[in-house]
Amino acid sequence: YDQSSTTEGTWELRDDQLITDIDFSTDFIDVSGTYTVEVLTATTLVFYLEKDNQTVTDPDSGQSISGDIKATLHFEKI
């Protein structure tokens, strides 16, 4: 779930890579792709994605911003 909406997709765990087609995008940054699993226990999942040399457009100002992106997602089983 992302806020109040359900996201559906597929995933595959291959070695330390989490490969997914789930859309983890923010308002203007695409963070879908292949994630590296950092922590995986019975109750915790932490994984991250790094994308180099990305250009995004700020939706408020319209300015283009270039740089590297690192997105880390943390999940706790409740």
PDB file of N, CA and C in Angstrom:
ATOM      1  N   TYR A   1       0.836  -1.189   0.000  1.00  0.00           N
ATOM      2  CA  TYR A   1       0.000   0.000   0.000  1.00  0.00           C
ATOM      3  C   TYR A   1       0.873   1.242   0.000  1.00  0.00           C
ATOM      4  N   ASP A   2       0.458   2.245  -0.736  1.00  0.00           N
ATOM      5  CA  ASP A   2       1.114   3.546  -0.737  1.00  0.00           C
ATOM      6  C   ASP A   2       0.042   4.546  -0.359  1.00  0.00           C
ATOM      7  N   GLN A   3       0.138   5.047   0.852  1.00  0.00           N
ATOM      8  CA  GLN A   3      -0.897   5.880   1.438  1.00  0.00           C
ATOM      9  C   GLN A   3      -2.180   5.063   1.478  1.00  0.00           C
ATOM     10  N   SER A   4      -3.195   5.395   0.714  1.00  0.00           N
ATOM     11  CA  SER A   4      -4.441   4.626   0.785  1.00  0.00           C
ATOM     12  C   SER A   4      -4.687   3.787  -0.468  1.00  0.00           C
ATOM     13  N   SER A   5      -3.747   3.787  -1.412  1.00  0.00           N
ATOM     14  CA  SER A   5      -3.960   3.029  -2.641  1.00  0.00           C
ATOM     15  C   SER A   5      -3.078   1.777  -2.663  1.00  0.00           C
ATOM     16  N   THR A   6      -3.565   0.745  -3.323  1.00  0.00           N
ATOM     17  CA  THR A   6      -2.846  -0.516  -3.451  1.00  0.00           C
ATOM     18  C   THR A   6      -2.021  -0.493  -4.728  1.00  0.00           C
ATOM     19  N   THR A   7      -0.775  -0.945  -4.636  1.00  0.00           N
ATOM     20  CA  THR A   7       0.087  -1.073  -5.796  1.00  0.00           C
ATOM     21  C   THR A   7       0.297  -2.551  -6.066  1.00  0.00           C
ATOM     22  N   GLU A   8       0.120  -2.965  -7.310  1.00  0.00           N
ATOM     23  CA  GLU A   8       0.298  -4.363  -7.668  1.00  0.00           C
ATOM     24  C   GLU A   8       1.446  -4.497  -8.652  1.00  0.00           C
ATOM     25  N   GLY A   9       2.099  -5.649  -8.617  1.00  0.00           N
ATOM     26  CA  GLY A   9       3.183  -5.915  -9.541  1.00  0.00           C
ATOM     27  C   GLY A   9       3.815  -7.242  -9.224  1.00  0.00           C
ATOM     28  N   THR A  10       4.930  -7.509  -9.884  1.00  0.00           N
ATOM     29  CA  THR A  10       5.645  -8.756  -9.659  1.00  0.00           C
ATOM     30  C   THR A  10       7.035  -8.451  -9.142  1.00  0.00           C
ATOM     31  N   TRP A  11       7.635  -9.443  -8.471  1.00  0.00           N
ATOM     32  CA  TRP A  11       9.001  -9.281  -8.001  1.00  0.00           C
ATOM     33  C   TRP A  11       9.695 -10.630  -8.025  1.00  0.00           C
ATOM     34  N   GLU A  12      11.024 -10.574  -8.071  1.00  0.00           N
ATOM     35  CA  GLU A  12      11.861 -11.772  -8.052  1.00  0.00           C
ATOM     36  C   GLU A  12      13.106 -11.442  -7.248  1.00  0.00           C
ATOM     37  N   LEU A  13      13.499 -12.322  -6.336  1.00  0.00           N
ATOM     38  CA  LEU A  13      14.712 -12.152  -5.556  1.00  0.00           C
ATOM     39  C   LEU A  13      15.776 -13.040  -6.179  1.00  0.00           C
ATOM     40  N   ARG A  14      16.842 -12.425  -6.698  1.00  0.00           N
ATOM     41  CA  ARG A  14      17.950 -13.152  -7.326  1.00  0.00           C
ATOM     42  C   ARG A  14      19.242 -12.715  -6.651  1.00  0.00           C
ATOM     43  N   ASP A  15      19.839 -13.607  -5.845  1.00  0.00           N
ATOM     44  CA  ASP A  15      21.006 -13.288  -5.017  1.00  0.00           C
ATOM     45  C   ASP A  15      20.636 -12.124  -4.107  1.00  0.00           C
ATOM     46  N   ASP A  16      21.331 -10.983  -4.198  1.00  0.00           N
ATOM     47  CA  ASP A  16      20.988  -9.838  -3.357  1.00  0.00           C
ATOM     48  C   ASP A  16      20.235  -8.758  -4.129  1.00  0.00           C
ATOM     49  N   GLN A  17      19.661  -9.125  -5.280  1.00  0.00           N
ATOM     50  CA  GLN A  17      18.932  -8.165  -6.111  1.00  0.00           C
ATOM     51  C   GLN A  17      17.434  -8.449  -6.059  1.00  0.00           C
ATOM     52  N   LEU A  18      16.663  -7.407  -5.808  1.00  0.00           N
ATOM     53  CA  LEU A  18      15.213  -7.484  -5.848  1.00  0.00           C
ATOM     54  C   LEU A  18      14.774  -6.835  -7.146  1.00  0.00           C
ATOM     55  N   ILE A  19      14.252  -7.645  -8.065  1.00  0.00           N
ATOM     56  CA  ILE A  19      13.861  -7.158  -9.381  1.00  0.00           C
ATOM     57  C   ILE A  19      12.344  -7.052  -9.392  1.00  0.00           C
ATOM     58  N   THR A  20      11.827  -5.861  -9.680  1.00  0.00           N
ATOM     59  CA  THR A  20      10.396  -5.626  -9.591  1.00  0.00           C
ATOM     60  C   THR A  20       9.909  -4.736 -10.725  1.00  0.00           C
ATOM     61  N   ASP A  21       8.640  -4.887 -11.059  1.00  0.00           N
ATOM     62  CA  ASP A  21       8.015  -3.956 -11.988  1.00  0.00           C
ATOM     63  C   ASP A  21       7.014  -3.072 -11.246  1.00  0.00           C
ATOM     64  N   ILE A  22       7.070  -3.107  -9.922  1.00  0.00           N
ATOM     65  CA  ILE A  22       6.186  -2.280  -9.105  1.00  0.00           C
ATOM     66  C   ILE A  22       6.590  -0.824  -9.251  1.00  0.00           C
ATOM     67  N   ASP A  23       5.617   0.048  -9.414  1.00  0.00           N
ATOM     68  CA  ASP A  23       5.878   1.466  -9.619  1.00  0.00           C
ATOM     69  C   ASP A  23       6.063   2.159  -8.275  1.00  0.00           C
ATOM     70  N   PHE A  24       7.324   2.456  -7.934  1.00  0.00           N
ATOM     71  CA  PHE A  24       7.639   3.173  -6.705  1.00  0.00           C
ATOM     72  C   PHE A  24       7.909   4.646  -6.982  1.00  0.00           C
ATOM     73  N   SER A  25       7.321   5.209  -8.025  1.00  0.00           N
ATOM     74  CA  SER A  25       7.617   6.574  -8.431  1.00  0.00           C
ATOM     75  C   SER A  25       7.042   7.599  -7.459  1.00  0.00           C
ATOM     76  N   THR A  26       7.758   8.710  -7.345  1.00  0.00           N
ATOM     77  CA  THR A  26       7.244   9.864  -6.615  1.00  0.00           C
ATOM     78  C   THR A  26       6.578  10.774  -7.635  1.00  0.00           C
ATOM     79  N   ASP A  27       6.262  11.995  -7.251  1.00  0.00           N
ATOM     80  CA  ASP A  27       5.607  12.917  -8.180  1.00  0.00           C
ATOM     81  C   ASP A  27       6.437  13.175  -9.429  1.00  0.00           C
ATOM     82  N   PHE A  28       7.766  13.196  -9.310  1.00  0.00           N
ATOM     83  CA  PHE A  28       8.572  13.498 -10.489  1.00  0.00           C
ATOM     84  C   PHE A  28       9.847  12.669 -10.610  1.00  0.00           C
ATOM     85  N   ILE A  29      10.062  11.693  -9.737  1.00  0.00           N
ATOM     86  CA  ILE A  29      11.244  10.836  -9.823  1.00  0.00           C
ATOM     87  C   ILE A  29      10.800   9.383  -9.971  1.00  0.00           C
ATOM     88  N   ASP A  30      11.279   8.734 -11.021  1.00  0.00           N
ATOM     89  CA  ASP A  30      10.974   7.312 -11.249  1.00  0.00           C
ATOM     90  C   ASP A  30      11.970   6.476 -10.454  1.00  0.00           C
ATOM     91  N   VAL A  31      11.477   5.757  -9.461  1.00  0.00           N
ATOM     92  CA  VAL A  31      12.346   4.909  -8.653  1.00  0.00           C
ATOM     93  C   VAL A  31      11.969   3.440  -8.801  1.00  0.00           C
ATOM     94  N   SER A  32      11.483   3.058  -9.994  1.00  0.00           N
ATOM     95  CA  SER A  32      11.244   1.651 -10.261  1.00  0.00           C
ATOM     96  C   SER A  32      12.525   1.058 -10.845  1.00  0.00           C
ATOM     97  N   GLY A  33      12.676  -0.245 -10.739  1.00  0.00           N
ATOM     98  CA  GLY A  33      13.855  -0.889 -11.300  1.00  0.00           C
ATOM     99  C   GLY A  33      14.360  -2.014 -10.417  1.00  0.00           C
ATOM    100  N   THR A  34      15.663  -2.249 -10.460  1.00  0.00           N
ATOM    101  CA  THR A  34      16.292  -3.325  -9.709  1.00  0.00           C
ATOM    102  C   THR A  34      16.895  -2.765  -8.432  1.00  0.00           C
ATOM    103  N   TYR A  35      16.477  -3.325  -7.314  1.00  0.00           N
ATOM    104  CA  TYR A  35      16.933  -2.871  -6.005  1.00  0.00           C
ATOM    105  C   TYR A  35      17.934  -3.853  -5.412  1.00  0.00           C
ATOM    106  N   THR A  36      18.852  -3.357  -4.617  1.00  0.00           N
ATOM    107  CA  THR A  36      19.775  -4.196  -3.870  1.00  0.00           C
ATOM    108  C   THR A  36      19.214  -4.373  -2.468  1.00  0.00           C
ATOM    109  N   VAL A  37      19.108  -5.616  -2.023  1.00  0.00           N
ATOM    110  CA  VAL A  37      18.596  -5.911  -0.686  1.00  0.00           C
ATOM    111  C   VAL A  37      19.715  -5.666   0.317  1.00  0.00           C
ATOM    112  N   GLU A  38      19.444  -4.799   1.283  1.00  0.00           N
ATOM    113  CA  GLU A  38      20.426  -4.459   2.312  1.00  0.00           C
ATOM    114  C   GLU A  38      20.190  -5.266   3.580  1.00  0.00           C
ATOM    115  N   VAL A  39      18.909  -5.420   3.984  1.00  0.00           N
ATOM    116  CA  VAL A  39      18.542  -6.178   5.175  1.00  0.00           C
ATOM    117  C   VAL A  39      17.305  -7.006   4.839  1.00  0.00           C
ATOM    118  N   LEU A  40      17.346  -8.281   5.164  1.00  0.00           N
ATOM    119  CA  LEU A  40      16.183  -9.146   4.994  1.00  0.00           C
ATOM    120  C   LEU A  40      16.155 -10.121   6.161  1.00  0.00           C
ATOM    121  N   THR A  41      15.190  -9.917   7.059  1.00  0.00           N
ATOM    122  CA  THR A  41      14.986 -10.808   8.197  1.00  0.00           C
ATOM    123  C   THR A  41      13.519 -11.215   8.208  1.00  0.00           C
ATOM    124  N   ALA A  42      13.109 -11.925   9.246  1.00  0.00           N
ATOM    125  CA  ALA A  42      11.706 -12.329   9.356  1.00  0.00           C
ATOM    126  C   ALA A  42      10.786 -11.128   9.534  1.00  0.00           C
ATOM    127  N   THR A  43      11.309 -10.004  10.012  1.00  0.00           N
ATOM    128  CA  THR A  43      10.458  -8.843  10.288  1.00  0.00           C
ATOM    129  C   THR A  43      10.870  -7.562   9.560  1.00  0.00           C
ATOM    130  N   THR A  44      12.018  -7.545   8.906  1.00  0.00           N
ATOM    131  CA  THR A  44      12.534  -6.306   8.316  1.00  0.00           C
ATOM    132  C   THR A  44      13.006  -6.534   6.890  1.00  0.00           C
ATOM    133  N   LEU A  45      12.660  -5.592   6.011  1.00  0.00           N
ATOM    134  CA  LEU A  45      13.178  -5.569   4.650  1.00  0.00           C
ATOM    135  C   LEU A  45      13.636  -4.144   4.356  1.00  0.00           C
ATOM    136  N   VAL A  46      14.894  -4.000   3.989  1.00  0.00           N
ATOM    137  CA  VAL A  46      15.439  -2.709   3.568  1.00  0.00           C
ATOM    138  C   VAL A  46      16.119  -2.944   2.230  1.00  0.00           C
ATOM    139  N   PHE A  47      15.725  -2.163   1.219  1.00  0.00           N
ATOM    140  CA  PHE A  47      16.370  -2.292  -0.078  1.00  0.00           C
ATOM    141  C   PHE A  47      16.512  -0.923  -0.711  1.00  0.00           C
ATOM    142  N   TYR A  48      17.470  -0.811  -1.650  1.00  0.00           N
ATOM    143  CA  TYR A  48      17.743   0.496  -2.243  1.00  0.00           C
ATOM    144  C   TYR A  48      18.009   0.374  -3.738  1.00  0.00           C
ATOM    145  N   LEU A  49      17.879   1.512  -4.395  1.00  0.00           N
ATOM    146  CA  LEU A  49      18.105   1.645  -5.831  1.00  0.00           C
ATOM    147  C   LEU A  49      19.000   2.847  -6.040  1.00  0.00           C
ATOM    148  N   GLU A  50      19.950   2.719  -6.919  1.00  0.00           N
ATOM    149  CA  GLU A  50      20.794   3.860  -7.283  1.00  0.00           C
ATOM    150  C   GLU A  50      20.724   4.068  -8.790  1.00  0.00           C
ATOM    151  N   LYS A  51      20.515   5.318  -9.191  1.00  0.00           N
ATOM    152  CA  LYS A  51      20.496   5.681 -10.607  1.00  0.00           C
ATOM    153  C   LYS A  51      21.428   6.869 -10.787  1.00  0.00           C
ATOM    154  N   ASP A  52      22.401   6.719 -11.676  1.00  0.00           N
ATOM    155  CA  ASP A  52      23.376   7.781 -11.926  1.00  0.00           C
ATOM    156  C   ASP A  52      22.937   8.649 -13.098  1.00  0.00           C
ATOM    157  N   ASN A  53      23.368   9.910 -13.048  1.00  0.00           N
ATOM    158  CA  ASN A  53      23.166  10.855 -14.155  1.00  0.00           C
ATOM    159  C   ASN A  53      21.714  10.964 -14.598  1.00  0.00           C
ATOM    160  N   GLN A  54      20.816  11.186 -13.662  1.00  0.00           N
ATOM    161  CA  GLN A  54      19.397  11.342 -13.965  1.00  0.00           C
ATOM    162  C   GLN A  54      19.047  12.829 -14.078  1.00  0.00           C
ATOM    163  N   THR A  55      18.107  13.149 -14.946  1.00  0.00           N
ATOM    164  CA  THR A  55      17.596  14.513 -15.056  1.00  0.00           C
ATOM    165  C   THR A  55      16.094  14.462 -14.828  1.00  0.00           C
ATOM    166  N   VAL A  56      15.631  15.262 -13.878  1.00  0.00           N
ATOM    167  CA  VAL A  56      14.200  15.351 -13.580  1.00  0.00           C
ATOM    168  C   VAL A  56      13.792  16.809 -13.645  1.00  0.00           C
ATOM    169  N   THR A  57      12.494  17.033 -13.791  1.00  0.00           N
ATOM    170  CA  THR A  57      11.974  18.394 -13.831  1.00  0.00           C
ATOM    171  C   THR A  57      11.160  18.645 -12.574  1.00  0.00           C
ATOM    172  N   ASP A  58      11.514  19.674 -11.841  1.00  0.00           N
ATOM    173  CA  ASP A  58      10.787  20.060 -10.637  1.00  0.00           C
ATOM    174  C   ASP A  58       9.391  20.521 -11.054  1.00  0.00           C
ATOM    175  N   PRO A  59       8.330  19.868 -10.532  1.00  0.00           N
ATOM    176  CA  PRO A  59       6.976  20.232 -10.964  1.00  0.00           C
ATOM    177  C   PRO A  59       6.544  21.622 -10.510  1.00  0.00           C
ATOM    178  N   ASP A  60       7.160  22.147  -9.463  1.00  0.00           N
ATOM    179  CA  ASP A  60       6.784  23.478  -8.978  1.00  0.00           C
ATOM    180  C   ASP A  60       7.438  24.594  -9.780  1.00  0.00           C
ATOM    181  N   SER A  61       8.742  24.467 -10.035  1.00  0.00           N
ATOM    182  CA  SER A  61       9.466  25.547 -10.704  1.00  0.00           C
ATOM    183  C   SER A  61       9.659  25.315 -12.193  1.00  0.00           C
ATOM    184  N   GLY A  62       9.541  24.055 -12.646  1.00  0.00           N
ATOM    185  CA  GLY A  62       9.792  23.745 -14.044  1.00  0.00           C
ATOM    186  C   GLY A  62      11.265  23.604 -14.374  1.00  0.00           C
ATOM    187  N   GLN A  63      12.140  23.778 -13.377  1.00  0.00           N
ATOM    188  CA  GLN A  63      13.574  23.673 -13.585  1.00  0.00           C
ATOM    189  C   GLN A  63      14.008  22.222 -13.704  1.00  0.00           C
ATOM    190  N   SER A  64      14.970  21.978 -14.585  1.00  0.00           N
ATOM    191  CA  SER A  64      15.564  20.647 -14.701  1.00  0.00           C
ATOM    192  C   SER A  64      16.677  20.522 -13.668  1.00  0.00           C
ATOM    193  N   ILE A  65      16.714  19.362 -13.017  1.00  0.00           N
ATOM    194  CA  ILE A  65      17.711  19.081 -11.996  1.00  0.00           C
ATOM    195  C   ILE A  65      18.413  17.794 -12.397  1.00  0.00           C
ATOM    196  N   SER A  66      19.752  17.808 -12.407  1.00  0.00           N
ATOM    197  CA  SER A  66      20.523  16.628 -12.778  1.00  0.00           C
ATOM    198  C   SER A  66      21.339  16.150 -11.589  1.00  0.00           C
ATOM    199  N   GLY A  67      21.495  14.827 -11.493  1.00  0.00           N
ATOM    200  CA  GLY A  67      22.316  14.267 -10.432  1.00  0.00           C
ATOM    201  C   GLY A  67      22.054  12.788 -10.265  1.00  0.00           C
ATOM    202  N   ASP A  68      22.621  12.235  -9.210  1.00  0.00           N
ATOM    203  CA  ASP A  68      22.452  10.827  -8.896  1.00  0.00           C
ATOM    204  C   ASP A  68      21.305  10.670  -7.904  1.00  0.00           C
ATOM    205  N   ILE A  69      20.565   9.567  -8.032  1.00  0.00           N
ATOM    206  CA  ILE A  69      19.422   9.302  -7.161  1.00  0.00           C
ATOM    207  C   ILE A  69      19.692   8.029  -6.383  1.00  0.00           C
ATOM    208  N   LYS A  70      19.452   8.060  -5.077  1.00  0.00           N
ATOM    209  CA  LYS A  70      19.473   6.841  -4.270  1.00  0.00           C
ATOM    210  C   LYS A  70      18.180   6.828  -3.469  1.00  0.00           C
ATOM    211  N   ALA A  71      17.383   5.785  -3.679  1.00  0.00           N
ATOM    212  CA  ALA A  71      16.115   5.619  -2.960  1.00  0.00           C
ATOM    213  C   ALA A  71      16.230   4.388  -2.092  1.00  0.00           C
ATOM    214  N   THR A  72      15.962   4.556  -0.795  1.00  0.00           N
ATOM    215  CA  THR A  72      15.989   3.439   0.153  1.00  0.00           C
ATOM    216  C   THR A  72      14.593   3.257   0.728  1.00  0.00           C
ATOM    217  N   LEU A  73      14.095   2.024   0.691  1.00  0.00           N
ATOM    218  CA  LEU A  73      12.765   1.716   1.218  1.00  0.00           C
ATOM    219  C   LEU A  73      12.918   0.797   2.423  1.00  0.00           C
ATOM    220  N   HIS A  74      12.184   1.107   3.492  1.00  0.00           N
ATOM    221  CA  HIS A  74      12.227   0.341   4.734  1.00  0.00           C
ATOM    222  C   HIS A  74      10.844  -0.230   5.000  1.00  0.00           C
ATOM    223  N   PHE A  75      10.779  -1.517   5.282  1.00  0.00           N
ATOM    224  CA  PHE A  75       9.536  -2.177   5.616  1.00  0.00           C
ATOM    225  C   PHE A  75       9.696  -2.960   6.901  1.00  0.00           C
ATOM    226  N   GLU A  76       8.716  -2.881   7.777  1.00  0.00           N
ATOM    227  CA  GLU A  76       8.678  -3.645   9.014  1.00  0.00           C
ATOM    228  C   GLU A  76       7.400  -4.463   9.041  1.00  0.00           C
ATOM    229  N   LYS A  77       7.500  -5.733   9.344  1.00  0.00           N
ATOM    230  CA  LYS A  77       6.312  -6.592   9.440  1.00  0.00           C
ATOM    231  C   LYS A  77       5.623  -6.304  10.756  1.00  0.00           C
ATOM    232  N   ILE A  78       4.321  -6.079  10.706  1.00  0.00           N
ATOM    233  CA  ILE A  78       3.573  -5.809  11.936  1.00  0.00           C
ATOM    234  C   ILE A  78       2.579  -6.915  12.217  1.00  0.00           C
TER     235      ILE A  78
END
